[in-house]
PDB file of N, CA and C in Angstrom:
ATOM      1  N   MET A   1     149.993 330.146 -51.872  1.00  0.00           N
ATOM      2  CA  MET A   1     149.395 331.123 -52.756  1.00  0.00           C
ATOM      3  C   MET A   1     149.146 332.397 -51.952  1.00  0.00           C
ATOM      4  N   SER A   2     149.546 333.495 -52.479  1.00  0.00           N
ATOM      5  CA  SER A   2     149.360 334.779 -51.812  1.00  0.00           C
ATOM      6  C   SER A   2     148.160 335.490 -52.405  1.00  0.00           C
ATOM      7  N   LEU A   3     147.205 335.810 -51.559  1.00  0.00           N
ATOM      8  CA  LEU A   3     146.013 336.505 -51.999  1.00  0.00           C
ATOM      9  C   LEU A   3     146.088 337.960 -51.558  1.00  0.00           C
ATOM     10  N   PRO A   4     145.658 338.878 -52.406  1.00  0.00           N
ATOM     11  CA  PRO A   4     145.828 340.297 -52.079  1.00  0.00           C
ATOM     12  C   PRO A   4     145.034 340.777 -50.861  1.00  0.00           C
ATOM     13  N   TYR A   5     143.945 340.107 -50.510  1.00  0.00           N
ATOM     14  CA  TYR A   5     143.101 340.579 -49.409  1.00  0.00           C
ATOM     15  C   TYR A   5     143.198 339.710 -48.161  1.00  0.00           C
ATOM     16  N   ASN A   6     143.964 338.631 -48.218  1.00  0.00           N
ATOM     17  CA  ASN A   6     144.166 337.751 -47.075  1.00  0.00           C
ATOM     18  C   ASN A   6     142.838 337.272 -46.473  1.00  0.00           C
ATOM     19  N   ILE A   7     141.929 336.852 -47.342  1.00  0.00           N
ATOM     20  CA  ILE A   7     140.625 336.343 -46.926  1.00  0.00           C
ATOM     21  C   ILE A   7     140.561 334.857 -47.266  1.00  0.00           C
ATOM     22  N   CYS A   8     140.151 334.069 -46.297  1.00  0.00           N
ATOM     23  CA  CYS A   8     140.030 332.629 -46.478  1.00  0.00           C
ATOM     24  C   CYS A   8     138.546 332.269 -46.583  1.00  0.00           C
ATOM     25  N   ALA A   9     138.193 331.502 -47.590  1.00  0.00           N
ATOM     26  CA  ALA A   9     136.807 331.041 -47.751  1.00  0.00           C
ATOM     27  C   ALA A   9     136.802 329.516 -47.708  1.00  0.00           C
ATOM     28  N   ILE A  10     136.040 328.971 -46.771  1.00  0.00           N
ATOM     29  CA  ILE A  10     135.952 327.525 -46.579  1.00  0.00           C
ATOM     30  C   ILE A  10     134.484 327.141 -46.450  1.00  0.00           C
ATOM     31  N   ALA A  11     134.104 326.035 -47.077  1.00  0.00           N
ATOM     32  CA  ALA A  11     132.773 325.463 -46.851  1.00  0.00           C
ATOM     33  C   ALA A  11     132.950 324.379 -45.793  1.00  0.00           C
ATOM     34  N   LEU A  12     132.108 324.400 -44.764  1.00  0.00           N
ATOM     35  CA  LEU A  12     132.231 323.461 -43.652  1.00  0.00           C
ATOM     36  C   LEU A  12     130.887 322.798 -43.397  1.00  0.00           C
ATOM     37  N   THR A  13     130.908 321.489 -43.303  1.00  0.00           N
ATOM     38  CA  THR A  13     129.674 320.753 -43.060  1.00  0.00           C
ATOM     39  C   THR A  13     129.763 319.923 -41.783  1.00  0.00           C
ATOM     40  N   PRO A  14     128.657 319.869 -41.034  1.00  0.00           N
ATOM     41  CA  PRO A  14     128.608 318.934 -39.909  1.00  0.00           C
ATOM     42  C   PRO A  14     128.185 317.563 -40.416  1.00  0.00           C
ATOM     43  N   GLY A  15     128.223 316.587 -39.531  1.00  0.00           N
ATOM     44  CA  GLY A  15     127.660 315.278 -39.831  1.00  0.00           C
ATOM     45  C   GLY A  15     126.171 315.315 -39.504  1.00  0.00           C
ATOM     46  N   PHE A  16     125.657 314.239 -38.936  1.00  0.00           N
ATOM     47  CA  PHE A  16     124.257 314.152 -38.517  1.00  0.00           C
ATOM     48  C   PHE A  16     124.134 315.045 -37.283  1.00  0.00           C
ATOM     49  N   LEU A  17     123.596 316.234 -37.468  1.00  0.00           N
ATOM     50  CA  LEU A  17     123.595 317.245 -36.421  1.00  0.00           C
ATOM     51  C   LEU A  17     122.513 316.982 -35.379  1.00  0.00           C
ATOM     52  N   ARG A  18     122.948 316.897 -34.129  1.00  0.00           N
ATOM     53  CA  ARG A  18     122.033 316.664 -33.006  1.00  0.00           C
ATOM     54  C   ARG A  18     121.634 318.018 -32.410  1.00  0.00           C
ATOM     55  N   SER A  19     120.895 318.773 -33.190  1.00  0.00           N
ATOM     56  CA  SER A  19     120.451 320.105 -32.767  1.00  0.00           C
ATOM     57  C   SER A  19     119.254 319.988 -31.823  1.00  0.00           C
ATOM     58  N   GLU A  20     118.851 321.118 -31.272  1.00  0.00           N
ATOM     59  CA  GLU A  20     117.665 321.118 -30.399  1.00  0.00           C
ATOM     60  C   GLU A  20     116.437 320.638 -31.163  1.00  0.00           C
ATOM     61  N   ALA A  21     116.330 321.024 -32.425  1.00  0.00           N
ATOM     62  CA  ALA A  21     115.192 320.593 -33.241  1.00  0.00           C
ATOM     63  C   ALA A  21     115.197 319.074 -33.434  1.00  0.00           C
ATOM     64  N   MET A  22     116.385 318.501 -33.641  1.00  0.00           N
ATOM     65  CA  MET A  22     116.465 317.051 -33.820  1.00  0.00           C
ATOM     66  C   MET A  22     116.179 316.321 -32.510  1.00  0.00           C
ATOM     67  N   LEU A  23     116.672 316.848 -31.407  1.00  0.00           N
ATOM     68  CA  LEU A  23     116.362 316.240 -30.106  1.00  0.00           C
ATOM     69  C   LEU A  23     114.852 316.227 -29.883  1.00  0.00           C
ATOM     70  N   GLU A  24     114.206 317.335 -30.212  1.00  0.00           N
ATOM     71  CA  GLU A  24     112.753 317.419 -30.064  1.00  0.00           C
ATOM     72  C   GLU A  24     112.063 316.428 -30.991  1.00  0.00           C
ATOM     73  N   TYR A  25     112.506 316.348 -32.249  1.00  0.00           N
ATOM     74  CA  TYR A  25     111.918 315.419 -33.217  1.00  0.00           C
ATOM     75  C   TYR A  25     112.001 313.972 -32.723  1.00  0.00           C
ATOM     76  N   PHE A  26     113.149 313.615 -32.156  1.00  0.00           N
ATOM     77  CA  PHE A  26     113.343 312.248 -31.675  1.00  0.00           C
ATOM     78  C   PHE A  26     112.765 312.026 -30.279  1.00  0.00           C
ATOM     79  N   GLY A  27     112.272 313.087 -29.647  1.00  0.00           N
ATOM     80  CA  GLY A  27     111.660 312.962 -28.331  1.00  0.00           C
ATOM     81  C   GLY A  27     112.652 312.636 -27.235  1.00  0.00           C
ATOM     82  N   VAL A  28     113.858 313.174 -27.366  1.00  0.00           N
ATOM     83  CA  VAL A  28     114.916 312.917 -26.388  1.00  0.00           C
ATOM     84  C   VAL A  28     115.536 314.241 -25.947  1.00  0.00           C
ATOM     85  N   THR A  29     116.405 314.165 -24.969  1.00  0.00           N
ATOM     86  CA  THR A  29     117.165 315.323 -24.509  1.00  0.00           C
ATOM     87  C   THR A  29     118.640 315.028 -24.735  1.00  0.00           C
ATOM     88  N   GLU A  30     119.489 315.990 -24.436  1.00  0.00           N
ATOM     89  CA  GLU A  30     120.924 315.741 -24.569  1.00  0.00           C
ATOM     90  C   GLU A  30     121.388 314.662 -23.593  1.00  0.00           C
ATOM     91  N   GLU A  31     120.692 314.527 -22.475  1.00  0.00           N
ATOM     92  CA  GLU A  31     121.072 313.514 -21.488  1.00  0.00           C
ATOM     93  C   GLU A  31     120.767 312.086 -21.969  1.00  0.00           C
ATOM     94  N   ASN A  32     119.689 311.905 -22.711  1.00  0.00           N
ATOM     95  CA  ASN A  32     119.319 310.557 -23.166  1.00  0.00           C
ATOM     96  C   ASN A  32     119.245 310.465 -24.691  1.00  0.00           C
ATOM     97  N   TRP A  33     120.035 311.278 -25.376  1.00  0.00           N
ATOM     98  CA  TRP A  33     119.961 311.376 -26.835  1.00  0.00           C
ATOM     99  C   TRP A  33     120.138 310.033 -27.538  1.00  0.00           C
ATOM    100  N   GLN A  34     120.908 309.117 -26.936  1.00  0.00           N
ATOM    101  CA  GLN A  34     121.153 307.825 -27.580  1.00  0.00           C
ATOM    102  C   GLN A  34     119.873 307.020 -27.768  1.00  0.00           C
ATOM    103  N   ASP A  35     118.842 307.312 -26.969  1.00  0.00           N
ATOM    104  CA  ASP A  35     117.552 306.644 -27.143  1.00  0.00           C
ATOM    105  C   ASP A  35     116.918 306.995 -28.489  1.00  0.00           C
ATOM    106  N   GLY A  36     117.357 308.094 -29.101  1.00  0.00           N
ATOM    107  CA  GLY A  36     116.857 308.463 -30.428  1.00  0.00           C
ATOM    108  C   GLY A  36     117.202 307.437 -31.484  1.00  0.00           C
ATOM    109  N   ALA A  37     118.212 306.614 -31.215  1.00  0.00           N
ATOM    110  CA  ALA A  37     118.594 305.561 -32.161  1.00  0.00           C
ATOM    111  C   ALA A  37     117.512 304.488 -32.270  1.00  0.00           C
ATOM    112  N   ASN A  38     116.587 304.461 -31.321  1.00  0.00           N
ATOM    113  CA  ASN A  38     115.458 303.535 -31.430  1.00  0.00           C
ATOM    114  C   ASN A  38     114.542 303.937 -32.576  1.00  0.00           C
ATOM    115  N   LYS A  39     114.505 305.221 -32.894  1.00  0.00           N
ATOM    116  CA  LYS A  39     113.676 305.737 -33.980  1.00  0.00           C
ATOM    117  C   LYS A  39     114.439 305.716 -35.301  1.00  0.00           C
ATOM    118  N   ASP A  40     115.724 306.042 -35.249  1.00  0.00           N
ATOM    119  CA  ASP A  40     116.594 306.020 -36.428  1.00  0.00           C
ATOM    120  C   ASP A  40     117.966 305.570 -35.965  1.00  0.00           C
ATOM    121  N   PRO A  41     118.406 304.377 -36.350  1.00  0.00           N
ATOM    122  CA  PRO A  41     119.683 303.848 -35.847  1.00  0.00           C
ATOM    123  C   PRO A  41     120.882 304.733 -36.190  1.00  0.00           C
ATOM    124  N   HIS A  42     120.779 305.539 -37.215  1.00  0.00           N
ATOM    125  CA  HIS A  42     121.891 306.394 -37.615  1.00  0.00           C
ATOM    126  C   HIS A  42     122.102 307.567 -36.655  1.00  0.00           C
ATOM    127  N   PHE A  43     121.108 307.835 -35.821  1.00  0.00           N
ATOM    128  CA  PHE A  43     121.216 308.931 -34.855  1.00  0.00           C
ATOM    129  C   PHE A  43     122.349 308.682 -33.853  1.00  0.00           C
ATOM    130  N   ILE A  44     122.753 307.429 -33.718  1.00  0.00           N
ATOM    131  CA  ILE A  44     123.825 307.082 -32.797  1.00  0.00           C
ATOM    132  C   ILE A  44     125.142 307.734 -33.224  1.00  0.00           C
ATOM    133  N   ALA A  45     125.267 308.108 -34.476  1.00  0.00           N
ATOM    134  CA  ALA A  45     126.497 308.735 -34.983  1.00  0.00           C
ATOM    135  C   ALA A  45     126.375 310.253 -35.045  1.00  0.00           C
ATOM    136  N   SER A  46     125.359 310.807 -34.397  1.00  0.00           N
ATOM    137  CA  SER A  46     125.127 312.250 -34.471  1.00  0.00           C
ATOM    138  C   SER A  46     126.135 313.034 -33.641  1.00  0.00           C
ATOM    139  N   GLU A  47     126.176 314.328 -33.911  1.00  0.00           N
ATOM    140  CA  GLU A  47     127.087 315.229 -33.204  1.00  0.00           C
ATOM    141  C   GLU A  47     126.338 316.474 -32.766  1.00  0.00           C
ATOM    142  N   THR A  48     126.815 317.098 -31.700  1.00  0.00           N
ATOM    143  CA  THR A  48     126.184 318.321 -31.218  1.00  0.00           C
ATOM    144  C   THR A  48     126.673 319.526 -32.024  1.00  0.00           C
ATOM    145  N   PRO A  49     125.970 320.633 -31.941  1.00  0.00           N
ATOM    146  CA  PRO A  49     126.452 321.858 -32.587  1.00  0.00           C
ATOM    147  C   PRO A  49     127.804 322.320 -32.032  1.00  0.00           C
ATOM    148  N   PHE A  50     128.139 321.901 -30.824  1.00  0.00           N
ATOM    149  CA  PHE A  50     129.439 322.257 -30.255  1.00  0.00           C
ATOM    150  C   PHE A  50     130.589 321.685 -31.086  1.00  0.00           C
ATOM    151  N   TYR A  51     130.366 320.524 -31.684  1.00  0.00           N
ATOM    152  CA  TYR A  51     131.413 319.845 -32.460  1.00  0.00           C
ATOM    153  C   TYR A  51     131.832 320.696 -33.656  1.00  0.00           C
ATOM    154  N   ILE A  52     130.873 321.162 -34.413  1.00  0.00           N
ATOM    155  CA  ILE A  52     131.231 322.006 -35.558  1.00  0.00           C
ATOM    156  C   ILE A  52     131.731 323.369 -35.075  1.00  0.00           C
ATOM    157  N   GLY A  53     131.239 323.811 -33.915  1.00  0.00           N
ATOM    158  CA  GLY A  53     131.771 325.041 -33.324  1.00  0.00           C
ATOM    159  C   GLY A  53     133.242 324.897 -32.983  1.00  0.00           C
ATOM    160  N   ARG A  54     133.623 323.741 -32.482  1.00  0.00           N
ATOM    161  CA  ARG A  54     135.034 323.484 -32.169  1.00  0.00           C
ATOM    162  C   ARG A  54     135.854 323.392 -33.451  1.00  0.00           C
ATOM    163  N   ALA A  55     135.230 322.914 -34.522  1.00  0.00           N
ATOM    164  CA  ALA A  55     135.916 322.895 -35.821  1.00  0.00           C
ATOM    165  C   ALA A  55     136.203 324.324 -36.272  1.00  0.00           C
ATOM    166  N   ILE A  56     135.219 325.190 -36.135  1.00  0.00           N
ATOM    167  CA  ILE A  56     135.388 326.597 -36.520  1.00  0.00           C
ATOM    168  C   ILE A  56     136.457 327.267 -35.665  1.00  0.00           C
ATOM    169  N   ALA A  57     136.424 327.011 -34.362  1.00  0.00           N
ATOM    170  CA  ALA A  57     137.428 327.593 -33.463  1.00  0.00           C
ATOM    171  C   ALA A  57     138.835 327.106 -33.818  1.00  0.00           C
ATOM    172  N   SER A  58     138.949 325.833 -34.161  1.00  0.00           N
ATOM    173  CA  SER A  58     140.253 325.292 -34.547  1.00  0.00           C
ATOM    174  C   SER A  58     140.756 325.920 -35.831  1.00  0.00           C
ATOM    175  N   LEU A  59     139.859 326.092 -36.784  1.00  0.00           N
ATOM    176  CA  LEU A  59     140.247 326.757 -38.032  1.00  0.00           C
ATOM    177  C   LEU A  59     140.687 328.191 -37.769  1.00  0.00           C
ATOM    178  N   ALA A  60     139.939 328.892 -36.942  1.00  0.00           N
ATOM    179  CA  ALA A  60     140.253 330.297 -36.654  1.00  0.00           C
ATOM    180  C   ALA A  60     141.611 330.439 -35.977  1.00  0.00           C
ATOM    181  N   ALA A  61     142.019 329.429 -35.211  1.00  0.00           N
ATOM    182  CA  ALA A  61     143.290 329.480 -34.500  1.00  0.00           C
ATOM    183  C   ALA A  61     144.460 328.957 -35.330  1.00  0.00           C
ATOM    184  N   ASP A  62     144.178 328.418 -36.485  1.00  0.00           N
ATOM    185  CA  ASP A  62     145.220 327.824 -37.332  1.00  0.00           C
ATOM    186  C   ASP A  62     145.982 328.911 -38.081  1.00  0.00           C
ATOM    187  N   PRO A  63     147.269 329.086 -37.807  1.00  0.00           N
ATOM    188  CA  PRO A  63     148.032 330.112 -38.504  1.00  0.00           C
ATOM    189  C   PRO A  63     148.214 329.819 -39.997  1.00  0.00           C
ATOM    190  N   ASN A  64     147.961 328.582 -40.392  1.00  0.00           N
ATOM    191  CA  ASN A  64     148.097 328.190 -41.799  1.00  0.00           C
ATOM    192  C   ASN A  64     146.756 328.009 -42.490  1.00  0.00           C
ATOM    193  N   ILE A  65     145.741 328.682 -41.989  1.00  0.00           N
ATOM    194  CA  ILE A  65     144.384 328.505 -42.517  1.00  0.00           C
ATOM    195  C   ILE A  65     144.283 328.835 -44.011  1.00  0.00           C
ATOM    196  N   MET A  66     145.100 329.742 -44.482  1.00  0.00           N
ATOM    197  CA  MET A  66     145.015 330.129 -45.897  1.00  0.00           C
ATOM    198  C   MET A  66     145.249 328.939 -46.827  1.00  0.00           C
ATOM    199  N   HIS A  67     145.955 327.920 -46.351  1.00  0.00           N
ATOM    200  CA  HIS A  67     146.187 326.720 -47.164  1.00  0.00           C
ATOM    201  C   HIS A  67     144.904 325.919 -47.368  1.00  0.00           C
ATOM    202  N   LYS A  68     143.895 326.203 -46.565  1.00  0.00           N
ATOM    203  CA  LYS A  68     142.617 325.498 -46.673  1.00  0.00           C
ATOM    204  C   LYS A  68     141.582 326.281 -47.486  1.00  0.00           C
ATOM    205  N   SER A  69     141.917 327.489 -47.863  1.00  0.00           N
ATOM    206  CA  SER A  69     140.964 328.328 -48.593  1.00  0.00           C
ATOM    207  C   SER A  69     140.498 327.642 -49.873  1.00  0.00           C
ATOM    208  N   GLY A  70     139.210 327.710 -50.097  1.00  0.00           N
ATOM    209  CA  GLY A  70     138.617 327.107 -51.292  1.00  0.00           C
ATOM    210  C   GLY A  70     138.229 325.655 -51.127  1.00  0.00           C
ATOM    211  N   GLN A  71     138.465 325.076 -49.964  1.00  0.00           N
ATOM    212  CA  GLN A  71     138.158 323.664 -49.745  1.00  0.00           C
ATOM    213  C   GLN A  71     136.784 323.469 -49.110  1.00  0.00           C
ATOM    214  N   VAL A  72     136.272 322.261 -49.247  1.00  0.00           N
ATOM    215  CA  VAL A  72     135.065 321.824 -48.552  1.00  0.00           C
ATOM    216  C   VAL A  72     135.540 320.859 -47.470  1.00  0.00           C
ATOM    217  N   LEU A  73     135.276 321.196 -46.211  1.00  0.00           N
ATOM    218  CA  LEU A  73     135.760 320.420 -45.078  1.00  0.00           C
ATOM    219  C   LEU A  73     134.588 319.942 -44.225  1.00  0.00           C
ATOM    220  N   SER A  74     134.854 318.970 -43.370  1.00  0.00           N
ATOM    221  CA  SER A  74     133.810 318.442 -42.492  1.00  0.00           C
ATOM    222  C   SER A  74     134.273 318.476 -41.045  1.00  0.00           C
ATOM    223  N   SER A  75     133.315 318.459 -40.151  1.00  0.00           N
ATOM    224  CA  SER A  75     133.624 318.464 -38.721  1.00  0.00           C
ATOM    225  C   SER A  75     134.469 317.252 -38.352  1.00  0.00           C
ATOM    226  N   TRP A  76     134.154 316.097 -38.901  1.00  0.00           N
ATOM    227  CA  TRP A  76     134.874 314.876 -38.522  1.00  0.00           C
ATOM    228  C   TRP A  76     136.301 314.869 -39.063  1.00  0.00           C
ATOM    229  N   GLU A  77     136.529 315.392 -40.250  1.00  0.00           N
ATOM    230  CA  GLU A  77     137.896 315.473 -40.770  1.00  0.00           C
ATOM    231  C   GLU A  77     138.741 316.424 -39.916  1.00  0.00           C
ATOM    232  N   LEU A  78     138.149 317.556 -39.555  1.00  0.00           N
ATOM    233  CA  LEU A  78     138.880 318.540 -38.762  1.00  0.00           C
ATOM    234  C   LEU A  78     139.125 318.035 -37.347  1.00  0.00           C
ATOM    235  N   ALA A  79     138.214 317.242 -36.798  1.00  0.00           N
ATOM    236  CA  ALA A  79     138.425 316.652 -35.475  1.00  0.00           C
ATOM    237  C   ALA A  79     139.648 315.746 -35.502  1.00  0.00           C
ATOM    238  N   GLN A  80     139.787 314.988 -36.579  1.00  0.00           N
ATOM    239  CA  GLN A  80     140.962 314.125 -36.713  1.00  0.00           C
ATOM    240  C   GLN A  80     142.235 314.953 -36.824  1.00  0.00           C
ATOM    241  N   GLU A  81     142.182 316.011 -37.603  1.00  0.00           N
ATOM    242  CA  GLU A  81     143.359 316.851 -37.817  1.00  0.00           C
ATOM    243  C   GLU A  81     143.762 317.635 -36.568  1.00  0.00           C
ATOM    244  N   TYR A  82     142.784 318.253 -35.908  1.00  0.00           N
ATOM    245  CA  TYR A  82     143.085 319.147 -34.788  1.00  0.00           C
ATOM    246  C   TYR A  82     142.970 318.481 -33.417  1.00  0.00           C
ATOM    247  N   GLY A  83     142.337 317.305 -33.349  1.00  0.00           N
ATOM    248  CA  GLY A  83     142.263 316.561 -32.102  1.00  0.00           C
ATOM    249  C   GLY A  83     141.182 316.983 -31.120  1.00  0.00           C
ATOM    250  N   PHE A  84     140.180 317.720 -31.557  1.00  0.00           N
ATOM    251  CA  PHE A  84     139.112 318.101 -30.634  1.00  0.00           C
ATOM    252  C   PHE A  84     138.043 317.024 -30.582  1.00  0.00           C
ATOM    253  N   THR A  85     137.206 317.088 -29.556  1.00  0.00           N
ATOM    254  CA  THR A  85     136.120 316.126 -29.382  1.00  0.00           C
ATOM    255  C   THR A  85     134.807 316.877 -29.208  1.00  0.00           C
ATOM    256  N   ASP A  86     133.729 316.128 -29.290  1.00  0.00           N
ATOM    257  CA  ASP A  86     132.409 316.675 -28.989  1.00  0.00           C
ATOM    258  C   ASP A  86     132.303 316.806 -27.467  1.00  0.00           C
ATOM    259  N   ILE A  87     131.227 317.401 -26.972  1.00  0.00           N
ATOM    260  CA  ILE A  87     131.115 317.672 -25.536  1.00  0.00           C
ATOM    261  C   ILE A  87     131.075 316.406 -24.685  1.00  0.00           C
ATOM    262  N   ASP A  88     130.747 315.275 -25.293  1.00  0.00           N
ATOM    263  CA  ASP A  88     130.720 314.019 -24.533  1.00  0.00           C
ATOM    264  C   ASP A  88     132.035 313.241 -24.660  1.00  0.00           C
ATOM    265  N   GLY A  89     133.042 313.852 -25.274  1.00  0.00           N
ATOM    266  CA  GLY A  89     134.343 313.206 -25.413  1.00  0.00           C
ATOM    267  C   GLY A  89     134.499 312.334 -26.646  1.00  0.00           C
ATOM    268  N   ARG A  90     133.420 312.157 -27.398  1.00  0.00           N
ATOM    269  CA  ARG A  90     133.465 311.331 -28.609  1.00  0.00           C
ATOM    270  C   ARG A  90     134.018 312.137 -29.780  1.00  0.00           C
ATOM    271  N   GLN A  91     134.448 311.439 -30.820  1.00  0.00           N
ATOM    272  CA  GLN A  91     134.820 312.039 -32.091  1.00  0.00           C
ATOM    273  C   GLN A  91     133.978 311.374 -33.178  1.00  0.00           C
ATOM    274  N   PRO A  92     132.698 311.769 -33.265  1.00  0.00           N
ATOM    275  CA  PRO A  92     131.851 311.153 -34.288  1.00  0.00           C
ATOM    276  C   PRO A  92     132.417 311.414 -35.682  1.00  0.00           C
ATOM    277  N   ASN A  93     132.440 310.371 -36.489  1.00  0.00           N
ATOM    278  CA  ASN A  93     132.960 310.484 -37.852  1.00  0.00           C
ATOM    279  C   ASN A  93     131.842 310.078 -38.803  1.00  0.00           C
ATOM    280  N   TRP A  94     131.032 311.048 -39.198  1.00  0.00           N
ATOM    281  CA  TRP A  94     129.869 310.765 -40.036  1.00  0.00           C
ATOM    282  C   TRP A  94     130.267 310.186 -41.383  1.00  0.00           C
ATOM    283  N   GLY A  95     131.371 310.644 -41.947  1.00  0.00           N
ATOM    284  CA  GLY A  95     131.812 310.120 -43.242  1.00  0.00           C
ATOM    285  C   GLY A  95     132.097 308.635 -43.188  1.00  0.00           C
ATOM    286  N   LYS A  96     132.846 308.220 -42.180  1.00  0.00           N
ATOM    287  CA  LYS A  96     133.166 306.805 -42.010  1.00  0.00           C
ATOM    288  C   LYS A  96     131.910 306.007 -41.674  1.00  0.00           C
ATOM    289  N   TYR A  97     131.104 306.529 -40.756  1.00  0.00           N
ATOM    290  CA  TYR A  97     129.875 305.837 -40.371  1.00  0.00           C
ATOM    291  C   TYR A  97     128.968 305.633 -41.588  1.00  0.00           C
ATOM    292  N   PHE A  98     128.780 306.703 -42.352  1.00  0.00           N
ATOM    293  CA  PHE A  98     127.897 306.644 -43.518  1.00  0.00           C
ATOM    294  C   PHE A  98     128.390 305.607 -44.525  1.00  0.00           C
ATOM    295  N   ALA A  99     129.686 305.615 -44.787  1.00  0.00           N
ATOM    296  CA  ALA A  99     130.256 304.646 -45.735  1.00  0.00           C
ATOM    297  C   ALA A  99     130.056 303.214 -45.249  1.00  0.00           C
ATOM    298  N   GLU A 100     130.236 302.982 -43.954  1.00  0.00           N
ATOM    299  CA  GLU A 100     130.135 301.627 -43.407  1.00  0.00           C
ATOM    300  C   GLU A 100     128.702 301.144 -43.240  1.00  0.00           C
ATOM    301  N   HIS A 101     127.775 302.034 -42.877  1.00  0.00           N
ATOM    302  CA  HIS A 101     126.427 301.609 -42.524  1.00  0.00           C
ATOM    303  C   HIS A 101     125.359 301.884 -43.570  1.00  0.00           C
ATOM    304  N   VAL A 102     125.627 302.837 -44.422  1.00  0.00           N
ATOM    305  CA  VAL A 102     124.643 303.161 -45.456  1.00  0.00           C
ATOM    306  C   VAL A 102     125.106 302.611 -46.799  1.00  0.00           C
ATOM    307  N   GLY A 103     126.410 302.403 -46.941  1.00  0.00           N
ATOM    308  CA  GLY A 103     126.930 301.758 -48.132  1.00  0.00           C
ATOM    309  C   GLY A 103     127.408 302.695 -49.221  1.00  0.00           C
ATOM    310  N   ILE A 104     127.255 303.983 -49.033  1.00  0.00           N
ATOM    311  CA  ILE A 104     127.724 304.924 -50.027  1.00  0.00           C
ATOM    312  C   ILE A 104     129.195 305.206 -49.755  1.00  0.00           C
ATOM    313  N   GLY A 105     129.992 305.231 -50.794  1.00  0.00           N
ATOM    314  CA  GLY A 105     131.397 305.562 -50.643  1.00  0.00           C
ATOM    315  C   GLY A 105     132.284 304.349 -50.386  1.00  0.00           C
ATOM    316  N   LYS A 106     131.729 303.140 -50.519  1.00  0.00           N
ATOM    317  CA  LYS A 106     132.544 301.928 -50.317  1.00  0.00           C
ATOM    318  C   LYS A 106     133.338 301.637 -51.565  1.00  0.00           C
TER     319      LYS A 106
END
């Protein structure tokens, strides 16, 4: 589809975001963040803000980005597509985790 202004609009969502505020809430640091799962077991599937940042960078570098215009995308889907990882080398997939552990989407 050819758009007259060549502007791409995408909605992008992270998974369970391991932001500084969440680290503080769970009483952990980035070094021991996994201990936060003692308070909420789902925190084990969290991702850093770098992960969604890498999703944005991958989208910005995609010469075919216009094909994604108008879509709602997630950090975990884009990680699978573009092959990037979070800063710890993991590829957290909140959609899959949520479906398997919370039961929604089964």
